[in-house]
Amino acid sequence: MPQILGHNYIGGARSAAGTVTLHSHDASTGQALPYSFVQATAAEVDAAAQAAAAAYPAFRNLPASRRAQFLDAIAAQLDALDDDFVALVTRETALPSARIQGERGRTSGQMRLFAQVLRRGDFYGARIDCALPERQPLPRADLRQYRIGVGPVAVFGASNFPLAFSTAGGDTAAALAAGCPVVFKAHSGHMATAERVADAILRAAEQTGMPKGVFNMIYGAGVGETLVKHPAIQAVGFTGSLKGGRALCDMAAARPQPIPVFAEMSSINPVLVLPEALQVRGEQIARELVASVVQGCGQFCTNPGLVIGLRSPQFSAFTAQLSTLMAAQPGQTMLNAGTRASYEKGVRALLEHPGIRHLAGQEHSSNQAQPQLFQADFSLLLEGDPLLQEEVFGPTTIVVEVADSAELHAALASLHGQLTATLIGEPHDLETHAGLLVLLEQKVGRVLFNGYPTGVQVCDAMVHGGPYPATSDARGTSVGTLAIDRFLRPVCYQNCPDSLLPQALQNANPLGIERLVDGVSGRHAL
């Protein structure tokens, strides 16, 4: 395996000017791994941001096809990472090798997907209101609009997806596709993994002739604030806790030049189980739901943390089945000691709450997180009890029983913004409760029918976002090709000579892209 230096990546070179040293750990044993990482100094954070700013003009002005080649090269480098790399990731995260191999495929796949977006050209959003005499006999301005990258983007790695939401993850892919150089802040839970992936990105950058500073990476605790406040940074991508995401939002808003923060933070992803579905396939739903709750030790942002059903003998039997199944689930090792401590704190708060009843789950032992099932009074949702609104990151869910349809609507109306909501029902169920969809559309970014929210498909139509506190900006997504929109801004050209226009807006349409011309979409020249 290549040597891990633990030095920061700045402008295509390595830098280790600081004196604070950090260590990577084995997630299963807690023991330090034989790697050390040098925390970036304030001067190094500045240098990384400046390197990204210096790379921005050349990088954003490259033909989209060149950026697509870069993304494809990154994907190839990721796919070429060997079994030693997979073993390293499993040691740092306790995630099984099959999960890491699958996540690596998702990570390289989303790079290739954004390369397709660049070649397709729709990301430009080209709009033309043309003043050519043969098209517009009356005098008017010639207005042409397209979108460019906002500038250098700070990206924060996520703990629970060491590949797909980290160094070369969705935020990095979207930013690079938009023409925005990246300064990546490595997550402390998998710094060695981050280094191997950063090396892959830089190999791809060198192969495809990208400017120095197109990708930079820094290590350290506390360096994120310096990065977000740096005047060269023009947007932030973050996946993590509500506390961490909100802190970044506040920092960015307090800058002399406020910038957007696209933070994915907290979601309990309610699952609504409707009556006829319970009658037809209650046992199957119970098995599938428990499997979703404990998948990956519950360490998914779409983990179902709340189950709601209408009071009935069938729902009581369903709850009993959930309890039996959850009690039989084994403990699992979490990503790191900090994650496990946070999970245990959340479970303890639920256990101590007088309005919440513990239905199943063993006591915590060693470093294993034990799956848990709770039941809460409906009144707690109406009262806005924070324990029912805040995510417990881990294999835990809470059952809430409502008396009737009115209470069901009231329960959903009381919920904060979510990434997902799920409706489990037979056709008649869904028709009878059709009004729920109108309500859920206001609360979530993705509504599922007869499925489970764990597992996110990377494609054009996916939305992995939602109203606050699921994300800081409900207009975007951190998964799927729409994610590029977060790092683009529109520019309009009025009466600009054709020779000076970007190719996406020139009369001849040399890129052959779809454009909106005088209200009509097409690929034709003017």
Protein backbone atom coordinates (compact mmCIF):
# COMPACT_ATOMS: atom_id res chain seq x y z
CA MET A 1 0.00 0.00 0.00
CA PRO A 2 1.34 3.49 -0.82
CA GLN A 3 2.78 5.44 2.09
CA ILE A 4 0.36 7.69 3.97
CA LEU A 5 2.15 10.98 4.71
CA GLY A 6 -0.60 12.79 6.61
CA HIS A 7 0.30 16.12 4.99
CA ASN A 8 -2.21 18.66 3.70
CA TYR A 9 -2.84 19.03 -0.05
CA ILE A 10 -2.39 22.60 -1.25
CA GLY A 11 -2.11 23.68 -4.86
CA GLY A 12 -0.98 20.27 -6.06
CA ALA A 13 1.75 19.95 -3.39
CA ARG A 14 1.97 18.56 0.15
CA SER A 15 2.34 20.81 3.19
CA ALA A 16 2.93 20.07 6.88
CA ALA A 17 3.78 23.37 8.56
CA GLY A 18 1.80 22.75 11.74
CA THR A 19 2.78 21.22 15.06
CA VAL A 20 -0.54 19.59 16.03
CA THR A 21 -0.68 15.90 15.11
CA LEU A 22 -3.84 13.83 14.73
CA HIS A 23 -4.21 10.06 14.59
CA SER A 24 -6.42 7.66 12.72
CA HIS A 25 -8.04 4.85 14.73
CA ASP A 26 -9.30 1.32 14.25
CA ALA A 27 -13.07 1.66 14.61
CA SER A 28 -13.51 -1.82 16.08
CA THR A 29 -10.78 -1.71 18.71
CA GLY A 30 -10.30 2.00 19.24
CA GLN A 31 -6.56 1.55 18.90
CA ALA A 32 -4.51 4.11 17.02
CA LEU A 33 -3.45 3.12 13.53
CA PRO A 34 0.14 3.70 12.46
CA TYR A 35 -0.68 6.94 10.64
CA SER A 36 -0.42 10.52 11.82
CA PHE A 37 -1.82 13.65 10.20
CA VAL A 38 -0.64 17.22 10.58
CA GLN A 39 -3.38 19.70 11.35
CA ALA A 40 -3.46 22.60 8.92
CA THR A 41 -2.36 25.96 10.24
CA ALA A 42 -4.33 29.12 9.56
CA ALA A 43 -1.73 30.02 6.94
CA GLU A 44 -2.20 26.63 5.24
CA VAL A 45 -5.99 27.02 5.20
CA ASP A 46 -5.45 30.41 3.59
CA ALA A 47 -3.03 28.91 1.07
CA ALA A 48 -5.50 26.14 0.17
CA ALA A 49 -8.32 28.64 -0.39
CA GLN A 50 -6.01 30.90 -2.39
CA ALA A 51 -4.88 27.95 -4.51
CA ALA A 52 -8.50 27.14 -5.29
CA ALA A 53 -9.18 30.78 -6.14
CA ALA A 54 -6.15 30.88 -8.45
CA ALA A 55 -7.36 27.73 -10.23
CA TYR A 56 -10.94 28.96 -10.63
CA PRO A 57 -10.64 31.19 -13.74
CA ALA A 58 -8.85 28.56 -15.81
CA PHE A 59 -10.91 25.66 -14.51
CA ARG A 60 -14.35 27.22 -15.03
CA ASN A 61 -13.39 28.37 -18.54
CA LEU A 62 -12.36 24.89 -19.65
CA PRO A 63 -14.76 23.32 -22.12
CA ALA A 64 -17.29 21.18 -20.29
CA SER A 65 -15.92 18.21 -22.21
CA ARG A 66 -12.53 18.70 -20.54
CA ARG A 67 -14.08 18.75 -17.08
CA ALA A 68 -15.99 15.61 -18.05
CA GLN A 69 -12.68 13.92 -18.92
CA PHE A 70 -11.40 14.89 -15.48
CA LEU A 71 -14.41 13.35 -13.73
CA ASP A 72 -14.12 10.18 -15.79
CA ALA A 73 -10.44 9.97 -14.89
CA ILE A 74 -11.28 10.31 -11.18
CA ALA A 75 -13.81 7.48 -11.55
CA ALA A 76 -11.21 5.25 -13.18
CA GLN A 77 -8.71 6.00 -10.42
CA LEU A 78 -11.27 5.18 -7.74
CA ASP A 79 -12.15 1.88 -9.41
CA ALA A 80 -8.45 1.00 -9.55
CA LEU A 81 -7.97 1.31 -5.77
CA ASP A 82 -6.97 -2.15 -4.58
CA ASP A 83 -8.01 -4.56 -1.85
CA ASP A 84 -5.56 -2.93 0.56
CA PHE A 85 -7.55 0.27 0.20
CA VAL A 86 -10.82 -1.52 0.97
CA ALA A 87 -9.21 -3.11 4.03
CA LEU A 88 -8.02 0.32 5.18
CA VAL A 89 -11.51 1.80 4.94
CA THR A 90 -13.01 -1.10 6.86
CA ARG A 91 -10.46 -0.62 9.65
CA GLU A 92 -11.20 3.09 9.97
CA THR A 93 -15.00 2.72 9.84
CA ALA A 94 -15.91 -0.86 10.88
CA LEU A 95 -18.03 -1.02 7.72
CA PRO A 96 -17.85 -4.41 5.96
CA SER A 97 -15.80 -4.78 2.81
CA ALA A 98 -18.86 -5.54 0.66
CA ARG A 99 -20.39 -2.23 1.74
CA ILE A 100 -17.16 -0.38 0.93
CA GLN A 101 -16.87 -2.02 -2.49
CA GLY A 102 -20.46 -1.07 -3.25
CA GLU A 103 -19.94 2.46 -2.03
CA ARG A 104 -16.82 2.80 -4.14
CA GLY A 105 -18.90 1.83 -7.19
CA ARG A 106 -21.49 4.43 -6.26
CA THR A 107 -18.76 7.06 -5.85
CA SER A 108 -17.13 6.40 -9.20
CA GLY A 109 -20.57 6.05 -10.77
CA GLN A 110 -21.69 9.50 -9.67
CA MET A 111 -18.47 10.98 -11.08
CA ARG A 112 -19.33 9.41 -14.44
CA LEU A 113 -22.93 10.59 -14.13
CA PHE A 114 -21.81 14.20 -13.72
CA ALA A 115 -19.49 13.73 -16.69
CA GLN A 116 -22.60 12.81 -18.69
CA VAL A 117 -24.31 15.97 -17.44
CA LEU A 118 -21.41 18.05 -18.70
CA ARG A 119 -21.49 16.42 -22.12
CA ARG A 120 -25.27 16.78 -22.28
CA GLY A 121 -25.07 20.53 -21.64
CA ASP A 122 -28.42 21.09 -19.94
CA PHE A 123 -26.63 22.33 -16.81
CA TYR A 124 -25.93 25.58 -18.68
CA GLY A 125 -29.63 26.45 -18.53
CA ALA A 126 -29.20 28.46 -21.73
CA ARG A 127 -32.02 30.96 -22.37
CA ILE A 128 -32.14 33.39 -25.26
CA ASP A 129 -34.54 36.24 -25.95
CA CYS A 130 -33.29 37.11 -29.38
CA ALA A 131 -33.34 40.54 -31.02
CA LEU A 132 -32.27 39.47 -34.51
CA PRO A 133 -34.26 41.61 -36.99
CA GLU A 134 -35.67 38.63 -38.85
CA ARG A 135 -37.00 37.23 -35.55
CA GLN A 136 -38.10 40.41 -33.78
CA PRO A 137 -39.24 43.26 -36.03
CA LEU A 138 -39.71 45.68 -33.12
CA PRO A 139 -36.65 47.12 -31.31
CA ARG A 140 -35.77 45.27 -28.13
CA ALA A 141 -32.73 44.17 -26.18
CA ASP A 142 -31.01 40.91 -27.03
CA LEU A 143 -30.79 38.99 -23.74
CA ARG A 144 -28.95 35.71 -23.27
CA GLN A 145 -28.49 33.81 -20.03
CA TYR A 146 -26.50 30.81 -18.89
CA ARG A 147 -24.94 29.53 -15.68
CA ILE A 148 -21.38 29.46 -14.39
CA GLY A 149 -19.70 27.99 -11.32
CA VAL A 150 -19.91 30.22 -8.25
CA GLY A 151 -16.22 29.89 -7.34
CA PRO A 152 -14.18 27.85 -4.85
CA VAL A 153 -16.30 25.51 -2.72
CA ALA A 154 -15.51 24.19 0.77
CA VAL A 155 -16.65 20.59 1.24
CA PHE A 156 -16.82 18.80 4.59
CA GLY A 157 -16.54 15.02 4.65
CA ALA A 158 -19.29 12.92 6.24
CA SER A 159 -18.61 10.29 8.88
CA ASN A 160 -21.09 7.65 7.71
CA PHE A 161 -20.14 7.50 4.01
CA PRO A 162 -16.32 7.52 3.83
CA LEU A 163 -16.45 7.47 0.02
CA ALA A 164 -19.83 8.56 -1.40
CA PHE A 165 -20.21 11.64 0.83
CA SER A 166 -16.58 12.40 1.45
CA THR A 167 -13.37 13.22 -0.42
CA ALA A 168 -14.60 12.34 -3.91
CA GLY A 169 -18.25 12.25 -2.90
CA GLY A 170 -21.33 13.92 -4.28
CA ASP A 171 -20.53 17.46 -3.14
CA THR A 172 -17.03 17.30 -4.60
CA ALA A 173 -18.32 15.79 -7.85
CA ALA A 174 -21.04 18.41 -8.23
CA ALA A 175 -18.69 21.29 -7.47
CA LEU A 176 -16.03 20.10 -9.91
CA ALA A 177 -18.67 19.52 -12.58
CA ALA A 178 -19.89 23.10 -12.08
CA GLY A 179 -16.36 24.40 -12.64
CA CYS A 180 -15.67 25.12 -8.98
CA PRO A 181 -12.32 24.13 -7.42
CA VAL A 182 -12.67 22.38 -4.07
CA VAL A 183 -11.07 22.73 -0.67
CA PHE A 184 -11.99 19.54 1.17
CA LYS A 185 -11.90 19.26 4.95
CA ALA A 186 -11.14 15.60 5.75
CA HIS A 187 -13.32 13.92 8.37
CA SER A 188 -11.39 12.89 11.48
CA GLY A 189 -12.99 9.44 11.43
CA HIS A 190 -11.29 8.27 8.22
CA MET A 191 -8.30 10.46 7.44
CA ALA A 192 -6.22 7.66 5.93
CA THR A 193 -9.07 6.83 3.57
CA ALA A 194 -9.29 10.50 2.62
CA GLU A 195 -5.60 10.59 1.76
CA ARG A 196 -5.81 7.60 -0.55
CA VAL A 197 -8.80 9.12 -2.34
CA ALA A 198 -7.17 12.55 -2.56
CA ASP A 199 -4.17 10.90 -4.22
CA ALA A 200 -6.53 9.35 -6.77
CA ILE A 201 -8.12 12.74 -7.53
CA LEU A 202 -4.73 14.39 -8.02
CA ARG A 203 -3.54 11.60 -10.30
CA ALA A 204 -6.64 12.19 -12.41
CA ALA A 205 -6.02 15.95 -12.39
CA GLU A 206 -2.47 15.45 -13.62
CA GLN A 207 -3.54 12.97 -16.31
CA THR A 208 -6.11 15.40 -17.72
CA GLY A 209 -4.10 18.62 -17.38
CA MET A 210 -6.22 20.32 -14.75
CA PRO A 211 -4.88 23.52 -13.11
CA LYS A 212 -3.00 23.25 -9.83
CA GLY A 213 -5.33 23.93 -6.95
CA VAL A 214 -8.39 22.36 -8.58
CA PHE A 215 -8.55 20.07 -5.52
CA ASN A 216 -7.08 20.77 -2.09
CA MET A 217 -7.48 18.95 1.22
CA ILE A 218 -6.78 19.93 4.82
CA TYR A 219 -6.77 18.01 8.09
CA GLY A 220 -7.66 19.15 11.55
CA ALA A 221 -10.14 20.08 14.23
CA GLY A 222 -11.22 23.70 14.26
CA VAL A 223 -9.92 24.47 10.77
CA GLY A 224 -13.44 24.43 9.33
CA GLU A 225 -14.32 27.83 10.75
CA THR A 226 -11.24 29.42 9.20
CA LEU A 227 -12.11 27.79 5.88
CA VAL A 228 -15.77 28.88 5.82
CA LYS A 229 -14.85 32.45 6.75
CA HIS A 230 -12.17 32.73 4.07
CA PRO A 231 -13.20 35.36 1.50
CA ALA A 232 -12.18 33.15 -1.44
CA ILE A 233 -14.73 30.46 -0.54
CA GLN A 234 -18.06 31.03 -2.30
CA ALA A 235 -20.19 28.09 -1.13
CA VAL A 236 -20.09 25.23 1.38
CA GLY A 237 -21.22 21.61 1.17
CA PHE A 238 -21.73 19.73 4.44
CA THR A 239 -23.21 16.43 5.62
CA GLY A 240 -23.38 15.87 9.36
CA SER A 241 -25.12 16.87 12.56
CA LEU A 242 -27.68 19.62 13.01
CA LYS A 243 -25.39 21.34 15.49
CA GLY A 244 -22.42 21.30 13.11
CA GLY A 245 -24.42 22.32 10.05
CA ARG A 246 -26.18 25.16 11.85
CA ALA A 247 -22.83 26.47 13.14
CA LEU A 248 -21.49 26.59 9.58
CA CYS A 249 -24.64 28.37 8.38
CA ASP A 250 -24.28 31.00 11.06
CA MET A 251 -20.60 31.51 10.24
CA ALA A 252 -21.31 31.88 6.54
CA ALA A 253 -24.20 34.30 7.14
CA ALA A 254 -22.04 36.47 9.42
CA ARG A 255 -19.30 36.96 6.79
CA PRO A 256 -18.89 40.43 5.23
CA GLN A 257 -19.95 38.62 2.06
CA PRO A 258 -22.50 35.97 3.12
CA ILE A 259 -22.34 32.72 1.17
CA PRO A 260 -24.72 29.76 0.84
CA VAL A 261 -24.23 26.63 2.93
CA PHE A 262 -25.83 23.48 1.59
CA ALA A 263 -25.99 21.35 4.72
CA GLU A 264 -27.68 18.01 5.14
CA MET A 265 -28.27 17.66 8.87
CA SER A 266 -31.09 15.87 10.68
CA SER A 267 -34.03 13.69 9.67
CA ILE A 268 -36.20 11.07 11.37
CA ASN A 269 -37.80 9.88 8.11
CA PRO A 270 -41.31 8.90 9.27
CA VAL A 271 -42.89 5.69 8.02
CA LEU A 272 -46.71 5.60 7.92
CA VAL A 273 -48.20 2.12 8.01
CA LEU A 274 -51.82 2.10 6.83
CA PRO A 275 -54.53 -0.36 8.00
CA GLU A 276 -55.17 -2.60 4.99
CA ALA A 277 -51.45 -3.11 4.44
CA LEU A 278 -51.20 -4.44 8.00
CA GLN A 279 -54.04 -6.86 7.40
CA VAL A 280 -52.56 -8.15 4.15
CA ARG A 281 -48.85 -8.26 4.98
CA GLY A 282 -48.22 -7.06 8.53
CA GLU A 283 -45.53 -9.64 9.33
CA GLN A 284 -43.66 -8.89 6.10
CA ILE A 285 -43.74 -5.16 6.77
CA ALA A 286 -42.41 -5.72 10.29
CA ARG A 287 -39.48 -7.77 8.98
CA GLU A 288 -38.66 -5.28 6.25
CA LEU A 289 -38.93 -2.29 8.55
CA VAL A 290 -36.64 -3.77 11.18
CA ALA A 291 -34.13 -4.66 8.48
CA SER A 292 -34.16 -1.04 7.33
CA VAL A 293 -33.73 0.31 10.88
CA VAL A 294 -30.69 -1.84 11.67
CA GLN A 295 -29.09 -1.73 8.21
CA GLY A 296 -25.54 -0.45 8.52
CA CYS A 297 -26.06 -0.12 12.28
CA GLY A 298 -28.65 2.56 11.57
CA GLN A 299 -25.95 4.92 10.32
CA PHE A 300 -27.88 6.25 7.34
CA CYS A 301 -29.30 9.75 7.08
CA THR A 302 -32.51 8.14 5.78
CA ASN A 303 -32.84 5.67 8.64
CA PRO A 304 -36.54 5.34 9.64
CA GLY A 305 -36.68 6.84 13.12
CA LEU A 306 -40.45 7.16 13.52
CA VAL A 307 -43.24 4.68 12.73
CA ILE A 308 -46.83 5.93 12.80
CA GLY A 309 -50.00 3.85 12.57
CA LEU A 310 -53.72 4.02 13.27
CA ARG A 311 -54.91 2.36 16.48
CA SER A 312 -56.26 -1.13 15.81
CA PRO A 313 -55.72 -4.74 16.93
CA GLN A 314 -53.62 -5.19 13.79
CA PHE A 315 -51.36 -2.26 14.67
CA SER A 316 -50.96 -3.61 18.22
CA ALA A 317 -49.96 -6.99 16.80
CA PHE A 318 -47.62 -5.25 14.38
CA THR A 319 -45.94 -3.37 17.24
CA ALA A 320 -45.51 -6.65 19.12
CA GLN A 321 -43.90 -8.20 16.03
CA LEU A 322 -41.53 -5.24 15.76
CA SER A 323 -40.57 -5.72 19.41
CA THR A 324 -39.84 -9.42 18.97
CA LEU A 325 -37.80 -8.86 15.84
CA MET A 326 -35.86 -5.91 17.25
CA ALA A 327 -35.03 -7.82 20.43
CA ALA A 328 -33.41 -10.54 18.28
CA GLN A 329 -31.13 -8.13 16.39
CA PRO A 330 -27.44 -8.35 17.26
CA GLY A 331 -25.29 -5.42 18.27
CA GLN A 332 -23.03 -3.83 15.69
CA THR A 333 -19.87 -1.77 15.80
CA MET A 334 -20.41 1.88 14.96
CA LEU A 335 -18.20 4.16 12.89
CA ASN A 336 -16.16 5.42 15.82
CA ALA A 337 -16.22 5.94 19.57
CA GLY A 338 -17.73 9.42 19.25
CA THR A 339 -20.64 8.14 17.18
CA ARG A 340 -21.29 5.33 19.65
CA ALA A 341 -21.19 7.75 22.61
CA SER A 342 -23.67 10.04 20.87
CA TYR A 343 -25.96 7.10 20.15
CA GLU A 344 -25.84 5.89 23.74
CA LYS A 345 -26.63 9.41 24.95
CA GLY A 346 -29.66 9.57 22.65
CA VAL A 347 -30.93 6.16 23.77
CA ARG A 348 -30.44 7.11 27.41
CA ALA A 349 -32.53 10.25 26.94
CA LEU A 350 -35.34 8.15 25.46
CA LEU A 351 -35.13 5.63 28.31
CA GLU A 352 -35.40 8.40 30.90
CA HIS A 353 -38.37 10.17 29.29
CA PRO A 354 -41.60 9.55 31.25
CA GLY A 355 -43.78 9.66 28.13
CA ILE A 356 -41.72 7.13 26.16
CA ARG A 357 -41.87 3.38 26.74
CA HIS A 358 -38.99 1.01 25.97
CA LEU A 359 -40.26 -1.97 23.98
CA ALA A 360 -37.14 -3.88 22.97
CA GLY A 361 -33.37 -3.74 22.98
CA GLN A 362 -30.51 -4.95 25.09
CA GLU A 363 -28.25 -2.83 27.28
CA HIS A 364 -25.13 -1.50 25.64
CA SER A 365 -21.98 -3.51 26.15
CA SER A 366 -18.41 -3.13 24.99
CA ASN A 367 -18.26 -1.13 21.77
CA GLN A 368 -21.40 -2.66 20.25
CA ALA A 369 -24.45 -0.51 19.55
CA GLN A 370 -27.63 -2.39 20.45
CA PRO A 371 -30.80 -1.90 18.36
CA GLN A 372 -33.69 -0.36 20.32
CA LEU A 373 -37.44 0.09 19.91
CA PHE A 374 -39.55 2.65 21.77
CA GLN A 375 -43.18 3.72 21.84
CA ALA A 376 -44.24 7.32 22.47
CA ASP A 377 -47.54 9.00 23.22
CA PHE A 378 -49.12 10.87 20.32
CA SER A 379 -49.38 13.94 22.56
CA LEU A 380 -45.60 14.29 22.57
CA LEU A 381 -45.63 14.99 18.84
CA LEU A 382 -48.32 17.64 19.21
CA GLU A 383 -46.42 19.25 22.07
CA GLY A 384 -43.29 19.41 19.93
CA ASP A 385 -41.21 17.29 22.28
CA PRO A 386 -37.65 17.55 20.92
CA LEU A 387 -36.86 13.89 21.57
CA LEU A 388 -39.41 12.90 18.93
CA GLN A 389 -38.13 15.47 16.47
CA GLU A 390 -34.39 14.96 16.80
CA GLU A 391 -32.54 12.16 15.05
CA VAL A 392 -30.94 9.47 17.19
CA PHE A 393 -28.17 8.40 14.84
CA GLY A 394 -28.12 4.63 15.10
CA PRO A 395 -30.36 1.53 15.02
CA THR A 396 -33.33 2.94 16.92
CA THR A 397 -36.91 3.79 16.01
CA ILE A 398 -40.00 5.05 17.84
CA VAL A 399 -43.57 3.83 17.32
CA VAL A 400 -46.46 6.28 17.67
CA GLU A 401 -50.11 5.17 17.63
CA VAL A 402 -52.83 7.63 16.59
CA ALA A 403 -56.55 7.27 17.17
CA ASP A 404 -57.88 8.29 13.78
CA SER A 405 -57.23 10.10 10.53
CA ALA A 406 -57.48 13.52 12.18
CA GLU A 407 -54.75 12.62 14.65
CA LEU A 408 -52.66 11.19 11.83
CA HIS A 409 -52.82 14.49 9.96
CA ALA A 410 -52.06 16.39 13.16
CA ALA A 411 -49.06 14.18 13.86
CA LEU A 412 -47.60 14.81 10.42
CA ALA A 413 -48.34 18.53 10.60
CA SER A 414 -46.30 18.71 13.82
CA LEU A 415 -43.19 17.23 12.23
CA HIS A 416 -40.19 19.30 11.23
CA GLY A 417 -38.70 19.06 7.73
CA GLN A 418 -37.45 15.63 6.66
CA LEU A 419 -35.41 14.02 3.93
CA THR A 420 -38.03 11.32 3.39
CA ALA A 421 -41.44 10.06 4.37
CA THR A 422 -42.83 6.64 3.52
CA LEU A 423 -46.39 5.45 2.95
CA ILE A 424 -46.97 1.71 3.37
CA GLY A 425 -50.40 0.86 2.06
CA GLU A 426 -52.62 -1.14 -0.25
CA PRO A 427 -54.27 0.69 -3.20
CA HIS A 428 -57.45 1.37 -1.20
CA ASP A 429 -55.36 2.65 1.72
CA LEU A 430 -53.60 5.13 -0.52
CA GLU A 431 -56.87 6.33 -2.06
CA THR A 432 -58.54 6.71 1.32
CA HIS A 433 -55.60 8.69 2.71
CA ALA A 434 -54.73 10.59 -0.46
CA GLY A 435 -54.71 13.85 1.51
CA LEU A 436 -51.57 12.71 3.30
CA LEU A 437 -49.52 13.19 0.14
CA VAL A 438 -50.41 16.89 -0.07
CA LEU A 439 -49.23 17.30 3.52
CA LEU A 440 -46.06 15.26 3.09
CA GLU A 441 -45.04 17.24 0.01
CA GLN A 442 -44.67 20.25 2.30
CA LYS A 443 -42.55 18.33 4.81
CA VAL A 444 -40.08 16.19 2.87
CA GLY A 445 -37.85 15.99 -0.17
CA ARG A 446 -38.77 12.43 -1.18
CA VAL A 447 -42.03 10.53 -0.64
CA LEU A 448 -41.77 6.73 -0.90
CA PHE A 449 -44.62 4.30 -1.49
CA ASN A 450 -44.29 0.72 -0.23
CA GLY A 451 -40.54 0.89 0.09
CA TYR A 452 -38.01 1.88 2.72
CA PRO A 453 -35.91 5.03 2.76
CA THR A 454 -32.50 3.49 3.37
CA GLY A 455 -30.79 3.33 0.00
CA VAL A 456 -30.54 6.34 -2.31
CA GLN A 457 -30.38 5.94 -6.08
CA VAL A 458 -27.95 8.28 -7.85
CA CYS A 459 -29.78 9.55 -10.94
CA ASP A 460 -31.33 12.60 -12.56
CA ALA A 461 -34.66 12.49 -10.67
CA MET A 462 -33.40 11.83 -7.12
CA VAL A 463 -33.96 14.41 -4.38
CA HIS A 464 -31.88 13.94 -1.25
CA GLY A 465 -32.85 17.10 0.56
CA GLY A 466 -35.81 18.61 2.33
CA PRO A 467 -37.05 21.48 4.49
CA TYR A 468 -35.09 22.57 7.55
CA PRO A 469 -33.67 20.92 9.64
CA ALA A 470 -33.24 18.10 7.13
CA THR A 471 -31.18 20.56 5.12
CA SER A 472 -30.32 24.23 5.31
CA ASP A 473 -31.79 24.88 1.85
CA ALA A 474 -34.77 22.85 0.66
CA ARG A 475 -34.28 23.97 -2.96
CA GLY A 476 -31.39 21.59 -3.57
CA THR A 477 -30.28 17.99 -3.32
CA SER A 478 -26.97 16.40 -2.37
CA VAL A 479 -27.59 13.27 -4.46
CA GLY A 480 -28.38 13.13 -8.16
CA THR A 481 -27.52 15.42 -11.04
CA LEU A 482 -29.64 18.30 -9.73
CA ALA A 483 -26.92 18.68 -7.07
CA ILE A 484 -24.88 20.70 -9.56
CA ASP A 485 -27.42 23.54 -9.30
CA ARG A 486 -26.16 24.40 -5.82
CA PHE A 487 -22.82 25.56 -7.21
CA LEU A 488 -24.00 27.47 -10.29
CA ARG A 489 -25.26 31.02 -10.72
CA PRO A 490 -26.91 32.72 -13.72
CA VAL A 491 -25.22 35.41 -15.83
CA CYS A 492 -27.10 37.48 -18.42
CA TYR A 493 -25.54 39.14 -21.51
CA GLN A 494 -27.37 42.09 -23.04
CA ASN A 495 -26.66 43.06 -26.66
CA CYS A 496 -23.34 41.21 -26.52
CA PRO A 497 -21.52 40.63 -29.84
CA ASP A 498 -21.84 37.03 -30.92
CA SER A 499 -18.07 36.53 -31.02
CA LEU A 500 -17.79 37.45 -27.33
CA LEU A 501 -20.62 35.24 -26.12
CA PRO A 502 -19.88 31.90 -24.46
CA GLN A 503 -20.37 29.05 -26.91
CA ALA A 504 -23.52 27.94 -25.11
CA LEU A 505 -25.20 31.21 -26.20
CA GLN A 506 -23.73 31.85 -29.65
CA ASN A 507 -26.06 31.97 -32.64
CA ALA A 508 -24.60 28.88 -34.27
CA ASN A 509 -25.01 26.78 -31.09
CA PRO A 510 -21.61 25.14 -31.65
CA LEU A 511 -22.13 22.87 -28.59
CA GLY A 512 -25.37 21.50 -30.05
CA ILE A 513 -27.13 21.82 -26.68
CA GLU A 514 -30.80 22.24 -25.84
CA ARG A 515 -31.66 25.94 -25.41
CA LEU A 516 -34.78 27.98 -24.72
CA VAL A 517 -34.96 30.48 -27.58
CA ASP A 518 -37.82 32.98 -27.56
CA GLY A 519 -39.82 30.56 -25.43
CA VAL A 520 -39.22 27.50 -27.62
CA SER A 521 -36.83 24.69 -26.66
CA GLY A 522 -34.54 23.24 -29.29
CA ARG A 523 -31.01 22.56 -30.47
CA HIS A 524 -31.15 24.66 -33.60
CA ALA A 525 -28.90 27.55 -34.57
CA LEU A 526 -30.25 31.09 -34.90
